[in-house]
Amino acid sequence: MAVNHNEMRTVIVILLFVTVVGLMYMAILNKAQMALINPIVLSSISNKFAHLLKHRGSDNATNHMSNISELELTLSKVANQNKTVIITSLNAAWAQNNSMIDLFLQSFREGNGTEHLLKNLLIVAVDDKALQRCRQIHEHCYLMKTEGVDFSAEKLFMSKDYLKMMWRRLRFFGQVLEAGYNYVFSDTDILWFRDPFTRFSPSADMNIASDNYNGHPHDLHNAPNGGFMYVRSNPRTVSFFKFWYQSKSRYPGKNEQDVLNLIKISEIARRGLEVVFLDTKYFRGYCQWSQDLSLVYTMHANCCKGLKAKLSDLRNTLSDWKKYIMNPPPGRIVMKDVHWTPPQACRHSWGR
């Protein structure tokens, strides 16, 4: 009798998941281990198992399950003791030598109390070239492929491929939450100077940056910037991220950040999410400028168009920080000749 290899592979995957689910339910019976079982993870595995049974004849379903399993294995290696990972995404254009990813990693090493966070950083590559470069410079790398789309070239803001990349990334975040992991996402054009965890609200479901902060952290009229956020995995955030992703069909031609702005008032309140907008006094960017180096935790090259302009100004920003930390307290407090260099390249990047 001829053997159908696709069916055999599907059966093997089914048996593996039956084994995993069985072991987890057995662990529940052990009271000493009950606290270790994450109900979100258990529900996630059960849902994936049901999905696989429904589509057991599909090669795509088997490959999808394989990708999910690989992601969860990767997250387990990168996460800290609180099941939190730091994530940034990378394509070939930003992965070139002496380019954006190098500045990003260097800021962790030059920052005050940030270098240890690198062990919890997962670089998510969106193409093979970015993955290859990641493996040369960092321990934790993951390939997020999208069939039929080439994300390797620079994607200009709001271009067709840019929108595809942003929405694919949002779906990835949802998968991380569904797997039971909290995450901090940081755009690669953000420099880390101090440990941001000390500034996050630990009780909030989501801490998110704002391009123009109005001084009130719980005011949903703040403009969110999805380039930097800390999200805790729980049923509220899992449900919200699913809804957020599904909303893209209702708002064609808009990116995920614009859609968040459109749905935040009604959906965040209705779902009972606690959202905290991060103060730009600490989480700075080129949209809201300040000269105070003593307060900054991160610096984002926002309100800026194009890789060349971002690199030029971020290199100046990192150089300014290095000058600042070379002067020990209390000299820093009175030092007048160390300040942020204005982001001139970014200011002119829009043709103004």
C-alpha atoms as a PDB file:
ATOM      1  CA  MET A   1       0.000   0.000   0.000  1.00  0.00           C
ATOM      2  CA  ALA A   2       1.403   3.396  -0.995  1.00  0.00           C
ATOM      3  CA  VAL A   3       2.304   5.757   1.842  1.00  0.00           C
ATOM      4  CA  ASN A   4       1.007   9.329   1.695  1.00  0.00           C
ATOM      5  CA  HIS A   5       3.869  11.299   3.229  1.00  0.00           C
ATOM      6  CA  ASN A   6       1.768  14.431   3.806  1.00  0.00           C
ATOM      7  CA  GLU A   7      -0.810  12.448   5.769  1.00  0.00           C
ATOM      8  CA  MET A   8       1.926  10.672   7.725  1.00  0.00           C
ATOM      9  CA  ARG A   9       3.545  13.997   8.661  1.00  0.00           C
ATOM     10  CA  THR A  10       0.181  15.366   9.792  1.00  0.00           C
ATOM     11  CA  VAL A  11      -0.448  12.269  11.930  1.00  0.00           C
ATOM     12  CA  ILE A  12       2.965  12.664  13.564  1.00  0.00           C
ATOM     13  CA  VAL A  13       2.266  16.318  14.403  1.00  0.00           C
ATOM     14  CA  ILE A  14      -1.151  15.339  15.828  1.00  0.00           C
ATOM     15  CA  LEU A  15       0.436  12.668  18.022  1.00  0.00           C
ATOM     16  CA  LEU A  16       3.024  15.144  19.295  1.00  0.00           C
ATOM     17  CA  PHE A  17       0.357  17.644  20.296  1.00  0.00           C
ATOM     18  CA  VAL A  18      -1.776  14.954  21.904  1.00  0.00           C
ATOM     19  CA  THR A  19       1.267  14.039  23.987  1.00  0.00           C
ATOM     20  CA  VAL A  20       1.945  17.675  24.965  1.00  0.00           C
ATOM     21  CA  VAL A  21      -1.677  18.349  25.920  1.00  0.00           C
ATOM     22  CA  GLY A  22      -1.828  15.095  27.888  1.00  0.00           C
ATOM     23  CA  LEU A  23       1.306  15.941  29.830  1.00  0.00           C
ATOM     24  CA  MET A  24       0.040  19.408  30.654  1.00  0.00           C
ATOM     25  CA  TYR A  25      -3.283  18.086  31.950  1.00  0.00           C
ATOM     26  CA  MET A  26      -1.372  15.537  34.045  1.00  0.00           C
ATOM     27  CA  ALA A  27       0.677  18.390  35.501  1.00  0.00           C
ATOM     28  CA  ILE A  28      -2.523  20.141  36.522  1.00  0.00           C
ATOM     29  CA  LEU A  29      -3.368  17.134  38.712  1.00  0.00           C
ATOM     30  CA  ASN A  30      -0.143  17.694  40.589  1.00  0.00           C
ATOM     31  CA  LYS A  31      -0.957  20.454  43.068  1.00  0.00           C
ATOM     32  CA  ALA A  32       2.685  21.296  43.571  1.00  0.00           C
ATOM     33  CA  GLN A  33       2.951  22.252  39.888  1.00  0.00           C
ATOM     34  CA  MET A  34      -0.486  23.815  39.432  1.00  0.00           C
ATOM     35  CA  ALA A  35       0.831  27.380  39.786  1.00  0.00           C
ATOM     36  CA  LEU A  36       3.213  26.819  36.905  1.00  0.00           C
ATOM     37  CA  ILE A  37       0.454  26.179  34.376  1.00  0.00           C
ATOM     38  CA  ASN A  38      -0.460  29.261  32.361  1.00  0.00           C
ATOM     39  CA  PRO A  39      -4.143  29.033  31.340  1.00  0.00           C
ATOM     40  CA  ILE A  40      -3.509  31.162  28.267  1.00  0.00           C
ATOM     41  CA  VAL A  41      -0.815  28.761  27.072  1.00  0.00           C
ATOM     42  CA  LEU A  42      -3.029  25.740  27.775  1.00  0.00           C
ATOM     43  CA  SER A  43      -5.948  27.285  25.893  1.00  0.00           C
ATOM     44  CA  SER A  44      -3.630  28.273  23.054  1.00  0.00           C
ATOM     45  CA  ILE A  45      -2.331  24.726  22.637  1.00  0.00           C
ATOM     46  CA  SER A  46      -5.839  23.259  22.775  1.00  0.00           C
ATOM     47  CA  ASN A  47      -7.047  25.707  20.121  1.00  0.00           C
ATOM     48  CA  LYS A  48      -4.108  24.894  17.871  1.00  0.00           C
ATOM     49  CA  PHE A  49      -4.793  21.187  18.293  1.00  0.00           C
ATOM     50  CA  ALA A  50      -8.462  21.657  17.321  1.00  0.00           C
ATOM     51  CA  HIS A  51      -7.416  23.755  14.330  1.00  0.00           C
ATOM     52  CA  LEU A  52      -5.039  21.023  13.219  1.00  0.00           C
ATOM     53  CA  LEU A  53      -7.723  18.323  13.468  1.00  0.00           C
ATOM     54  CA  LYS A  54     -10.076  20.471  11.413  1.00  0.00           C
ATOM     55  CA  HIS A  55      -7.499  20.917   8.679  1.00  0.00           C
ATOM     56  CA  ARG A  56      -5.601  17.654   9.102  1.00  0.00           C
ATOM     57  CA  GLY A  57      -5.446  17.074   5.354  1.00  0.00           C
ATOM     58  CA  SER A  58      -3.834  20.415   4.684  1.00  0.00           C
ATOM     59  CA  ASP A  59      -0.110  20.798   4.171  1.00  0.00           C
ATOM     60  CA  ASN A  60      -0.413  24.493   5.045  1.00  0.00           C
ATOM     61  CA  ALA A  61      -1.970  23.665   8.403  1.00  0.00           C
ATOM     62  CA  THR A  62       0.929  21.357   9.244  1.00  0.00           C
ATOM     63  CA  ASN A  63       3.473  24.003   8.290  1.00  0.00           C
ATOM     64  CA  HIS A  64       1.569  26.607  10.327  1.00  0.00           C
ATOM     65  CA  MET A  65       1.700  24.392  13.410  1.00  0.00           C
ATOM     66  CA  SER A  66       5.411  23.824  12.871  1.00  0.00           C
ATOM     67  CA  ASN A  67       6.019  27.600  12.720  1.00  0.00           C
ATOM     68  CA  ILE A  68       4.011  28.200  15.921  1.00  0.00           C
ATOM     69  CA  SER A  69       5.956  25.492  17.749  1.00  0.00           C
ATOM     70  CA  GLU A  70       9.253  27.004  16.620  1.00  0.00           C
ATOM     71  CA  LEU A  71       8.149  30.432  17.849  1.00  0.00           C
ATOM     72  CA  GLU A  72       7.156  29.151  21.281  1.00  0.00           C
ATOM     73  CA  LEU A  73      10.439  27.277  21.618  1.00  0.00           C
ATOM     74  CA  THR A  74      12.352  30.431  20.693  1.00  0.00           C
ATOM     75  CA  LEU A  75      10.389  32.575  23.152  1.00  0.00           C
ATOM     76  CA  SER A  76      11.085  30.126  25.971  1.00  0.00           C
ATOM     77  CA  LYS A  77      14.831  30.540  25.370  1.00  0.00           C
ATOM     78  CA  VAL A  78      14.783  34.350  25.242  1.00  0.00           C
ATOM     79  CA  ALA A  79      12.276  35.327  27.938  1.00  0.00           C
ATOM     80  CA  ASN A  80      13.257  36.423  31.432  1.00  0.00           C
ATOM     81  CA  GLN A  81      11.895  34.859  34.625  1.00  0.00           C
ATOM     82  CA  ASN A  82       8.673  36.876  34.215  1.00  0.00           C
ATOM     83  CA  LYS A  83       8.090  35.468  30.722  1.00  0.00           C
ATOM     84  CA  THR A  84       8.901  38.805  29.099  1.00  0.00           C
ATOM     85  CA  VAL A  85      10.817  39.233  25.855  1.00  0.00           C
ATOM     86  CA  ILE A  86      12.168  42.331  24.127  1.00  0.00           C
ATOM     87  CA  ILE A  87      11.487  42.305  20.386  1.00  0.00           C
ATOM     88  CA  THR A  88      12.726  44.307  17.437  1.00  0.00           C
ATOM     89  CA  SER A  89      12.170  43.600  13.743  1.00  0.00           C
ATOM     90  CA  LEU A  90      14.757  43.741  11.000  1.00  0.00           C
ATOM     91  CA  ASN A  91      14.936  43.630   7.219  1.00  0.00           C
ATOM     92  CA  ALA A  92      17.975  43.474   4.944  1.00  0.00           C
ATOM     93  CA  ALA A  93      18.077  47.237   4.359  1.00  0.00           C
ATOM     94  CA  TRP A  94      18.415  47.959   8.088  1.00  0.00           C
ATOM     95  CA  ALA A  95      20.717  44.973   8.666  1.00  0.00           C
ATOM     96  CA  GLN A  96      23.659  46.141   6.559  1.00  0.00           C
ATOM     97  CA  ASN A  97      27.056  46.597   8.203  1.00  0.00           C
ATOM     98  CA  ASN A  98      27.343  49.823  10.217  1.00  0.00           C
ATOM     99  CA  SER A  99      23.662  50.476   9.763  1.00  0.00           C
ATOM    100  CA  MET A 100      20.590  50.700  11.985  1.00  0.00           C
ATOM    101  CA  ILE A 101      20.831  47.372  13.807  1.00  0.00           C
ATOM    102  CA  ASP A 102      24.416  48.156  14.842  1.00  0.00           C
ATOM    103  CA  LEU A 103      23.391  51.493  16.358  1.00  0.00           C
ATOM    104  CA  PHE A 104      20.494  49.826  18.140  1.00  0.00           C
ATOM    105  CA  LEU A 105      22.678  47.152  19.763  1.00  0.00           C
ATOM    106  CA  GLN A 106      25.423  49.649  20.558  1.00  0.00           C
ATOM    107  CA  SER A 107      22.981  51.788  22.521  1.00  0.00           C
ATOM    108  CA  PHE A 108      22.288  48.836  24.853  1.00  0.00           C
ATOM    109  CA  ARG A 109      26.019  48.477  25.478  1.00  0.00           C
ATOM    110  CA  GLU A 110      26.557  52.204  25.986  1.00  0.00           C
ATOM    111  CA  GLY A 111      23.420  52.720  28.076  1.00  0.00           C
ATOM    112  CA  ASN A 112      23.174  52.942  31.841  1.00  0.00           C
ATOM    113  CA  GLY A 113      22.105  49.504  33.101  1.00  0.00           C
ATOM    114  CA  THR A 114      20.838  48.245  29.740  1.00  0.00           C
ATOM    115  CA  GLU A 115      23.479  45.809  28.476  1.00  0.00           C
ATOM    116  CA  HIS A 116      22.080  42.891  30.503  1.00  0.00           C
ATOM    117  CA  LEU A 117      18.770  43.263  28.642  1.00  0.00           C
ATOM    118  CA  LEU A 118      20.380  41.989  25.436  1.00  0.00           C
ATOM    119  CA  LYS A 119      20.018  38.397  26.656  1.00  0.00           C
ATOM    120  CA  ASN A 120      16.230  38.870  26.516  1.00  0.00           C
ATOM    121  CA  LEU A 121      16.240  40.534  23.076  1.00  0.00           C
ATOM    122  CA  LEU A 122      14.755  38.654  20.118  1.00  0.00           C
ATOM    123  CA  ILE A 123      15.567  40.061  16.685  1.00  0.00           C
ATOM    124  CA  VAL A 124      12.762  39.115  14.305  1.00  0.00           C
ATOM    125  CA  ALA A 125      14.095  39.007  10.758  1.00  0.00           C
ATOM    126  CA  VAL A 126      11.598  39.440   7.926  1.00  0.00           C
ATOM    127  CA  ASP A 127      13.876  38.091   5.192  1.00  0.00           C
ATOM    128  CA  ASP A 128      16.771  35.660   4.803  1.00  0.00           C
ATOM    129  CA  LYS A 129      19.501  38.301   4.497  1.00  0.00           C
ATOM    130  CA  ALA A 130      18.407  39.955   7.739  1.00  0.00           C
ATOM    131  CA  LEU A 131      18.382  36.558   9.454  1.00  0.00           C
ATOM    132  CA  GLN A 132      21.901  35.817   8.243  1.00  0.00           C
ATOM    133  CA  ARG A 133      23.213  39.148   9.548  1.00  0.00           C
ATOM    134  CA  CYS A 134      21.372  38.710  12.840  1.00  0.00           C
ATOM    135  CA  ARG A 135      23.060  35.373  13.455  1.00  0.00           C
ATOM    136  CA  GLN A 136      26.437  37.056  12.991  1.00  0.00           C
ATOM    137  CA  ILE A 137      25.861  39.707  15.641  1.00  0.00           C
ATOM    138  CA  HIS A 138      23.266  38.420  18.116  1.00  0.00           C
ATOM    139  CA  GLU A 139      22.340  35.236  19.953  1.00  0.00           C
ATOM    140  CA  HIS A 140      18.564  35.193  19.517  1.00  0.00           C
ATOM    141  CA  CYS A 141      17.135  35.438  15.993  1.00  0.00           C
ATOM    142  CA  TYR A 142      13.823  34.364  14.465  1.00  0.00           C
ATOM    143  CA  LEU A 143      12.622  34.396  10.847  1.00  0.00           C
ATOM    144  CA  MET A 144       9.128  35.774  10.285  1.00  0.00           C
ATOM    145  CA  LYS A 145       8.436  34.879   6.660  1.00  0.00           C
ATOM    146  CA  THR A 146       5.477  36.112   4.655  1.00  0.00           C
ATOM    147  CA  GLU A 147       4.763  34.064   1.562  1.00  0.00           C
ATOM    148  CA  GLY A 148       4.877  35.995  -1.697  1.00  0.00           C
ATOM    149  CA  VAL A 149       6.249  39.218  -0.169  1.00  0.00           C
ATOM    150  CA  ASP A 150       9.819  40.523  -0.279  1.00  0.00           C
ATOM    151  CA  PHE A 151      10.524  42.699   2.744  1.00  0.00           C
ATOM    152  CA  SER A 152      14.299  42.937   2.189  1.00  0.00           C
ATOM    153  CA  ALA A 153      14.432  46.438   0.640  1.00  0.00           C
ATOM    154  CA  GLU A 154      13.829  49.667   2.533  1.00  0.00           C
ATOM    155  CA  LYS A 155      10.097  50.278   2.890  1.00  0.00           C
ATOM    156  CA  LEU A 156       9.165  53.952   2.816  1.00  0.00           C
ATOM    157  CA  PHE A 157       6.499  55.121   5.207  1.00  0.00           C
ATOM    158  CA  MET A 158       2.949  54.200   4.083  1.00  0.00           C
ATOM    159  CA  SER A 159       4.083  52.428   0.906  1.00  0.00           C
ATOM    160  CA  LYS A 160       2.159  49.282  -0.047  1.00  0.00           C
ATOM    161  CA  ASP A 161       4.862  46.923   1.234  1.00  0.00           C
ATOM    162  CA  TYR A 162       5.322  49.047   4.357  1.00  0.00           C
ATOM    163  CA  LEU A 163       1.657  48.503   5.233  1.00  0.00           C
ATOM    164  CA  LYS A 164       1.966  44.742   4.647  1.00  0.00           C
ATOM    165  CA  MET A 165       5.014  44.595   6.905  1.00  0.00           C
ATOM    166  CA  MET A 166       3.328  46.550   9.714  1.00  0.00           C
ATOM    167  CA  TRP A 167       0.211  44.383   9.692  1.00  0.00           C
ATOM    168  CA  ARG A 168       2.240  41.163   9.547  1.00  0.00           C
ATOM    169  CA  ARG A 169       4.218  42.385  12.533  1.00  0.00           C
ATOM    170  CA  LEU A 170       1.035  43.075  14.489  1.00  0.00           C
ATOM    171  CA  ARG A 171      -0.178  39.524  13.864  1.00  0.00           C
ATOM    172  CA  PHE A 172       3.165  38.273  15.181  1.00  0.00           C
ATOM    173  CA  PHE A 173       2.677  40.263  18.391  1.00  0.00           C
ATOM    174  CA  GLY A 174      -0.701  38.610  18.812  1.00  0.00           C
ATOM    175  CA  GLN A 175       0.911  35.187  18.486  1.00  0.00           C
ATOM    176  CA  VAL A 176       3.436  36.092  21.189  1.00  0.00           C
ATOM    177  CA  LEU A 177       0.607  37.079  23.551  1.00  0.00           C
ATOM    178  CA  GLU A 178      -1.368  33.930  22.686  1.00  0.00           C
ATOM    179  CA  ALA A 179       1.690  31.886  23.628  1.00  0.00           C
ATOM    180  CA  GLY A 180       1.549  33.410  27.123  1.00  0.00           C
ATOM    181  CA  TYR A 181       4.501  35.810  26.840  1.00  0.00           C
ATOM    182  CA  ASN A 182       4.673  39.500  27.679  1.00  0.00           C
ATOM    183  CA  TYR A 183       6.707  41.605  25.318  1.00  0.00           C
ATOM    184  CA  VAL A 184       8.393  44.958  24.876  1.00  0.00           C
ATOM    185  CA  PHE A 185       8.528  45.940  21.242  1.00  0.00           C
ATOM    186  CA  SER A 186      11.050  48.530  20.145  1.00  0.00           C
ATOM    187  CA  ASP A 187      11.517  49.845  16.638  1.00  0.00           C
ATOM    188  CA  THR A 188      15.137  49.436  15.604  1.00  0.00           C
ATOM    189  CA  ASP A 189      15.469  53.219  15.196  1.00  0.00           C
ATOM    190  CA  ILE A 190      15.158  53.652  18.971  1.00  0.00           C
ATOM    191  CA  LEU A 191      18.251  54.037  21.140  1.00  0.00           C
ATOM    192  CA  TRP A 192      18.109  52.615  24.679  1.00  0.00           C
ATOM    193  CA  PHE A 193      19.947  54.698  27.304  1.00  0.00           C
ATOM    194  CA  ARG A 194      18.335  53.544  30.568  1.00  0.00           C
ATOM    195  CA  ASP A 195      16.314  50.509  31.664  1.00  0.00           C
ATOM    196  CA  PRO A 196      12.687  51.298  30.675  1.00  0.00           C
ATOM    197  CA  PHE A 197      11.193  48.619  32.934  1.00  0.00           C
ATOM    198  CA  THR A 198      11.704  50.954  35.883  1.00  0.00           C
ATOM    199  CA  ARG A 199       9.313  53.436  34.216  1.00  0.00           C
ATOM    200  CA  PHE A 200       6.597  51.037  33.050  1.00  0.00           C
ATOM    201  CA  SER A 201       3.351  50.770  34.974  1.00  0.00           C
ATOM    202  CA  PRO A 202       3.378  47.137  36.191  1.00  0.00           C
ATOM    203  CA  SER A 203      -0.413  46.980  36.520  1.00  0.00           C
ATOM    204  CA  ALA A 204      -1.255  48.293  33.038  1.00  0.00           C
ATOM    205  CA  ASP A 205      -2.190  45.889  30.266  1.00  0.00           C
ATOM    206  CA  MET A 206      -0.313  48.070  27.805  1.00  0.00           C
ATOM    207  CA  ASN A 207       2.328  50.799  28.128  1.00  0.00           C
ATOM    208  CA  ILE A 208       2.734  52.593  24.809  1.00  0.00           C
ATOM    209  CA  ALA A 209       4.737  55.534  23.497  1.00  0.00           C
ATOM    210  CA  SER A 210       3.159  58.715  22.196  1.00  0.00           C
ATOM    211  CA  ASP A 211       4.455  61.063  19.520  1.00  0.00           C
ATOM    212  CA  ASN A 212       2.807  64.016  21.246  1.00  0.00           C
ATOM    213  CA  TYR A 213       2.142  63.359  24.931  1.00  0.00           C
ATOM    214  CA  ASN A 214      -0.461  65.620  26.547  1.00  0.00           C
ATOM    215  CA  GLY A 215       0.686  65.107  30.144  1.00  0.00           C
ATOM    216  CA  HIS A 216      -2.046  62.654  31.163  1.00  0.00           C
ATOM    217  CA  PRO A 217      -0.913  59.008  31.017  1.00  0.00           C
ATOM    218  CA  HIS A 218      -4.428  57.472  30.960  1.00  0.00           C
ATOM    219  CA  ASP A 219      -5.937  59.908  28.461  1.00  0.00           C
ATOM    220  CA  LEU A 220      -6.862  57.969  25.329  1.00  0.00           C
ATOM    221  CA  HIS A 221      -6.665  61.185  23.322  1.00  0.00           C
ATOM    222  CA  ASN A 222      -2.872  60.853  23.375  1.00  0.00           C
ATOM    223  CA  ALA A 223      -1.563  59.844  19.951  1.00  0.00           C
ATOM    224  CA  PRO A 224      -0.163  56.282  20.280  1.00  0.00           C
ATOM    225  CA  ASN A 225       3.105  55.255  18.661  1.00  0.00           C
ATOM    226  CA  GLY A 226       3.257  51.490  18.202  1.00  0.00           C
ATOM    227  CA  GLY A 227       7.011  51.647  17.706  1.00  0.00           C
ATOM    228  CA  PHE A 228       7.560  51.244  21.437  1.00  0.00           C
ATOM    229  CA  MET A 229       5.215  49.384  23.763  1.00  0.00           C
ATOM    230  CA  TYR A 230       5.121  46.958  26.660  1.00  0.00           C
ATOM    231  CA  VAL A 231       2.169  44.549  26.584  1.00  0.00           C
ATOM    232  CA  ARG A 232       1.264  41.932  29.190  1.00  0.00           C
ATOM    233  CA  SER A 233      -0.255  38.630  28.080  1.00  0.00           C
ATOM    234  CA  ASN A 234      -3.746  38.103  29.468  1.00  0.00           C
ATOM    235  CA  PRO A 235      -7.216  37.381  28.038  1.00  0.00           C
ATOM    236  CA  ARG A 236      -7.927  41.104  27.567  1.00  0.00           C
ATOM    237  CA  THR A 237      -4.826  41.813  25.487  1.00  0.00           C
ATOM    238  CA  VAL A 238      -5.121  38.577  23.481  1.00  0.00           C
ATOM    239  CA  SER A 239      -8.706  39.457  22.549  1.00  0.00           C
ATOM    240  CA  PHE A 240      -7.890  43.091  21.788  1.00  0.00           C
ATOM    241  CA  PHE A 241      -4.952  42.276  19.516  1.00  0.00           C
ATOM    242  CA  LYS A 242      -7.110  39.858  17.534  1.00  0.00           C
ATOM    243  CA  PHE A 243      -9.730  42.571  17.070  1.00  0.00           C
ATOM    244  CA  TRP A 244      -7.071  45.150  16.202  1.00  0.00           C
ATOM    245  CA  TYR A 245      -5.609  42.914  13.504  1.00  0.00           C
ATOM    246  CA  GLN A 246      -9.019  42.026  12.075  1.00  0.00           C
ATOM    247  CA  SER A 247      -9.835  45.749  11.848  1.00  0.00           C
ATOM    248  CA  LYS A 248      -7.409  46.203   8.954  1.00  0.00           C
ATOM    249  CA  SER A 249     -10.126  45.076   6.526  1.00  0.00           C
ATOM    250  CA  ARG A 250     -12.404  47.854   7.796  1.00  0.00           C
ATOM    251  CA  TYR A 251      -9.760  50.531   7.202  1.00  0.00           C
ATOM    252  CA  PRO A 252      -7.971  49.704   3.911  1.00  0.00           C
ATOM    253  CA  GLY A 253      -4.880  51.760   3.152  1.00  0.00           C
ATOM    254  CA  LYS A 254      -4.179  52.600   6.794  1.00  0.00           C
ATOM    255  CA  ASN A 255      -1.352  51.298   8.937  1.00  0.00           C
ATOM    256  CA  GLU A 256      -1.866  49.526  12.249  1.00  0.00           C
ATOM    257  CA  GLN A 257      -1.030  52.644  14.276  1.00  0.00           C
ATOM    258  CA  ASP A 258      -3.656  54.760  12.510  1.00  0.00           C
ATOM    259  CA  VAL A 259      -6.232  52.009  13.028  1.00  0.00           C
ATOM    260  CA  LEU A 260      -5.359  51.831  16.745  1.00  0.00           C
ATOM    261  CA  ASN A 261      -6.031  55.543  16.927  1.00  0.00           C
ATOM    262  CA  LEU A 262      -9.452  54.992  15.356  1.00  0.00           C
ATOM    263  CA  ILE A 263     -10.564  52.103  17.573  1.00  0.00           C
ATOM    264  CA  LYS A 264      -8.914  53.011  20.884  1.00  0.00           C
ATOM    265  CA  ILE A 265     -11.693  55.132  22.436  1.00  0.00           C
ATOM    266  CA  SER A 266     -14.479  52.616  22.019  1.00  0.00           C
ATOM    267  CA  GLU A 267     -12.637  49.300  22.193  1.00  0.00           C
ATOM    268  CA  ILE A 268     -10.138  49.917  24.989  1.00  0.00           C
ATOM    269  CA  ALA A 269     -12.832  51.137  27.348  1.00  0.00           C
ATOM    270  CA  ARG A 270     -15.315  48.421  26.339  1.00  0.00           C
ATOM    271  CA  ARG A 271     -12.791  45.656  26.946  1.00  0.00           C
ATOM    272  CA  GLY A 272     -11.597  47.054  30.265  1.00  0.00           C
ATOM    273  CA  LEU A 273      -7.970  47.455  29.194  1.00  0.00           C
ATOM    274  CA  GLU A 274      -5.686  49.664  31.240  1.00  0.00           C
ATOM    275  CA  VAL A 275      -3.488  51.588  28.823  1.00  0.00           C
ATOM    276  CA  VAL A 276      -0.732  53.944  29.965  1.00  0.00           C
ATOM    277  CA  PHE A 277       0.854  56.420  27.559  1.00  0.00           C
ATOM    278  CA  LEU A 278       4.542  56.909  28.237  1.00  0.00           C
ATOM    279  CA  ASP A 279       5.752  60.374  29.162  1.00  0.00           C
ATOM    280  CA  THR A 280       7.944  61.886  26.427  1.00  0.00           C
ATOM    281  CA  LYS A 281      10.006  63.450  29.196  1.00  0.00           C
ATOM    282  CA  TYR A 282      11.509  59.973  29.592  1.00  0.00           C
ATOM    283  CA  PHE A 283      10.668  58.233  26.304  1.00  0.00           C
ATOM    284  CA  ARG A 284      11.793  60.869  23.892  1.00  0.00           C
ATOM    285  CA  GLY A 285      11.692  61.225  20.150  1.00  0.00           C
ATOM    286  CA  TYR A 286      12.397  63.735  17.448  1.00  0.00           C
ATOM    287  CA  CYS A 287       8.685  64.717  17.399  1.00  0.00           C
ATOM    288  CA  GLN A 288       8.917  66.257  20.887  1.00  0.00           C
ATOM    289  CA  TRP A 289      12.396  67.610  21.453  1.00  0.00           C
ATOM    290  CA  SER A 290      14.162  68.378  24.745  1.00  0.00           C
ATOM    291  CA  GLN A 291      17.733  69.039  25.813  1.00  0.00           C
ATOM    292  CA  ASP A 292      17.586  67.228  29.181  1.00  0.00           C
ATOM    293  CA  LEU A 293      19.929  64.216  28.992  1.00  0.00           C
ATOM    294  CA  SER A 294      19.472  63.384  32.678  1.00  0.00           C
ATOM    295  CA  LEU A 295      15.908  62.096  32.198  1.00  0.00           C
ATOM    296  CA  VAL A 296      15.926  60.255  28.875  1.00  0.00           C
ATOM    297  CA  TYR A 297      15.416  56.487  28.782  1.00  0.00           C
ATOM    298  CA  THR A 298      14.957  55.963  25.044  1.00  0.00           C
ATOM    299  CA  MET A 299      15.266  58.161  21.952  1.00  0.00           C
ATOM    300  CA  HIS A 300      13.174  57.443  18.859  1.00  0.00           C
ATOM    301  CA  ALA A 301      13.938  58.743  15.368  1.00  0.00           C
ATOM    302  CA  ASN A 302      10.247  59.441  14.778  1.00  0.00           C
ATOM    303  CA  CYS A 303       8.910  62.289  12.639  1.00  0.00           C
ATOM    304  CA  CYS A 304      11.657  61.276  10.247  1.00  0.00           C
ATOM    305  CA  LYS A 305      11.550  59.811   6.742  1.00  0.00           C
ATOM    306  CA  GLY A 306      14.156  57.478   5.272  1.00  0.00           C
ATOM    307  CA  LEU A 307      17.035  55.372   6.536  1.00  0.00           C
ATOM    308  CA  LYS A 308      19.753  57.879   5.589  1.00  0.00           C
ATOM    309  CA  ALA A 309      18.260  60.717   7.639  1.00  0.00           C
ATOM    310  CA  LYS A 310      17.586  58.474  10.636  1.00  0.00           C
ATOM    311  CA  LEU A 311      21.142  57.128  10.655  1.00  0.00           C
ATOM    312  CA  SER A 312      22.657  60.586  10.442  1.00  0.00           C
ATOM    313  CA  ASP A 313      20.753  61.994  13.395  1.00  0.00           C
ATOM    314  CA  LEU A 314      20.843  58.858  15.568  1.00  0.00           C
ATOM    315  CA  ARG A 315      24.629  58.710  15.232  1.00  0.00           C
ATOM    316  CA  ASN A 316      24.778  62.262  16.559  1.00  0.00           C
ATOM    317  CA  THR A 317      22.384  61.353  19.377  1.00  0.00           C
ATOM    318  CA  LEU A 318      24.486  58.368  20.442  1.00  0.00           C
ATOM    319  CA  SER A 319      27.646  60.475  20.271  1.00  0.00           C
ATOM    320  CA  ASP A 320      26.021  63.109  22.514  1.00  0.00           C
ATOM    321  CA  TRP A 321      25.073  60.406  25.025  1.00  0.00           C
ATOM    322  CA  LYS A 322      28.639  59.055  25.124  1.00  0.00           C
ATOM    323  CA  LYS A 323      29.954  62.555  25.868  1.00  0.00           C
ATOM    324  CA  TYR A 324      27.378  62.905  28.622  1.00  0.00           C
ATOM    325  CA  ILE A 325      28.230  59.655  30.424  1.00  0.00           C
ATOM    326  CA  MET A 326      31.961  60.443  30.316  1.00  0.00           C
ATOM    327  CA  ASN A 327      31.331  63.255  32.820  1.00  0.00           C
ATOM    328  CA  PRO A 328      30.667  61.824  36.300  1.00  0.00           C
ATOM    329  CA  PRO A 329      28.119  63.333  38.712  1.00  0.00           C
ATOM    330  CA  PRO A 330      27.791  65.974  39.973  1.00  0.00           C
ATOM    331  CA  GLY A 331      29.591  67.395  36.950  1.00  0.00           C
ATOM    332  CA  ARG A 332      26.809  66.240  34.661  1.00  0.00           C
ATOM    333  CA  ILE A 333      24.276  68.410  36.442  1.00  0.00           C
ATOM    334  CA  VAL A 334      26.093  71.667  35.798  1.00  0.00           C
ATOM    335  CA  MET A 335      27.743  70.750  32.534  1.00  0.00           C
ATOM    336  CA  LYS A 336      26.519  73.135  29.845  1.00  0.00           C
ATOM    337  CA  ASP A 337      28.452  71.984  26.778  1.00  0.00           C
ATOM    338  CA  VAL A 338      26.816  68.544  26.428  1.00  0.00           C
ATOM    339  CA  HIS A 339      23.398  68.628  24.802  1.00  0.00           C
ATOM    340  CA  TRP A 340      21.413  66.831  22.137  1.00  0.00           C
ATOM    341  CA  THR A 341      22.375  67.790  18.622  1.00  0.00           C
ATOM    342  CA  PRO A 342      19.176  68.906  16.828  1.00  0.00           C
ATOM    343  CA  PRO A 343      17.946  66.261  14.328  1.00  0.00           C
ATOM    344  CA  GLN A 344      18.493  68.379  11.267  1.00  0.00           C
ATOM    345  CA  ALA A 345      18.561  65.534   8.745  1.00  0.00           C
ATOM    346  CA  CYS A 346      15.170  64.314   9.974  1.00  0.00           C
ATOM    347  CA  ARG A 347      13.695  67.787   9.950  1.00  0.00           C
ATOM    348  CA  HIS A 348      14.614  68.132   6.274  1.00  0.00           C
ATOM    349  CA  SER A 349      13.649  64.564   5.354  1.00  0.00           C
ATOM    350  CA  TRP A 350      10.066  65.609   4.579  1.00  0.00           C
ATOM    351  CA  GLY A 351      11.221  68.212   2.055  1.00  0.00           C
ATOM    352  CA  ARG A 352      10.706  71.132   4.401  1.00  0.00           C
END
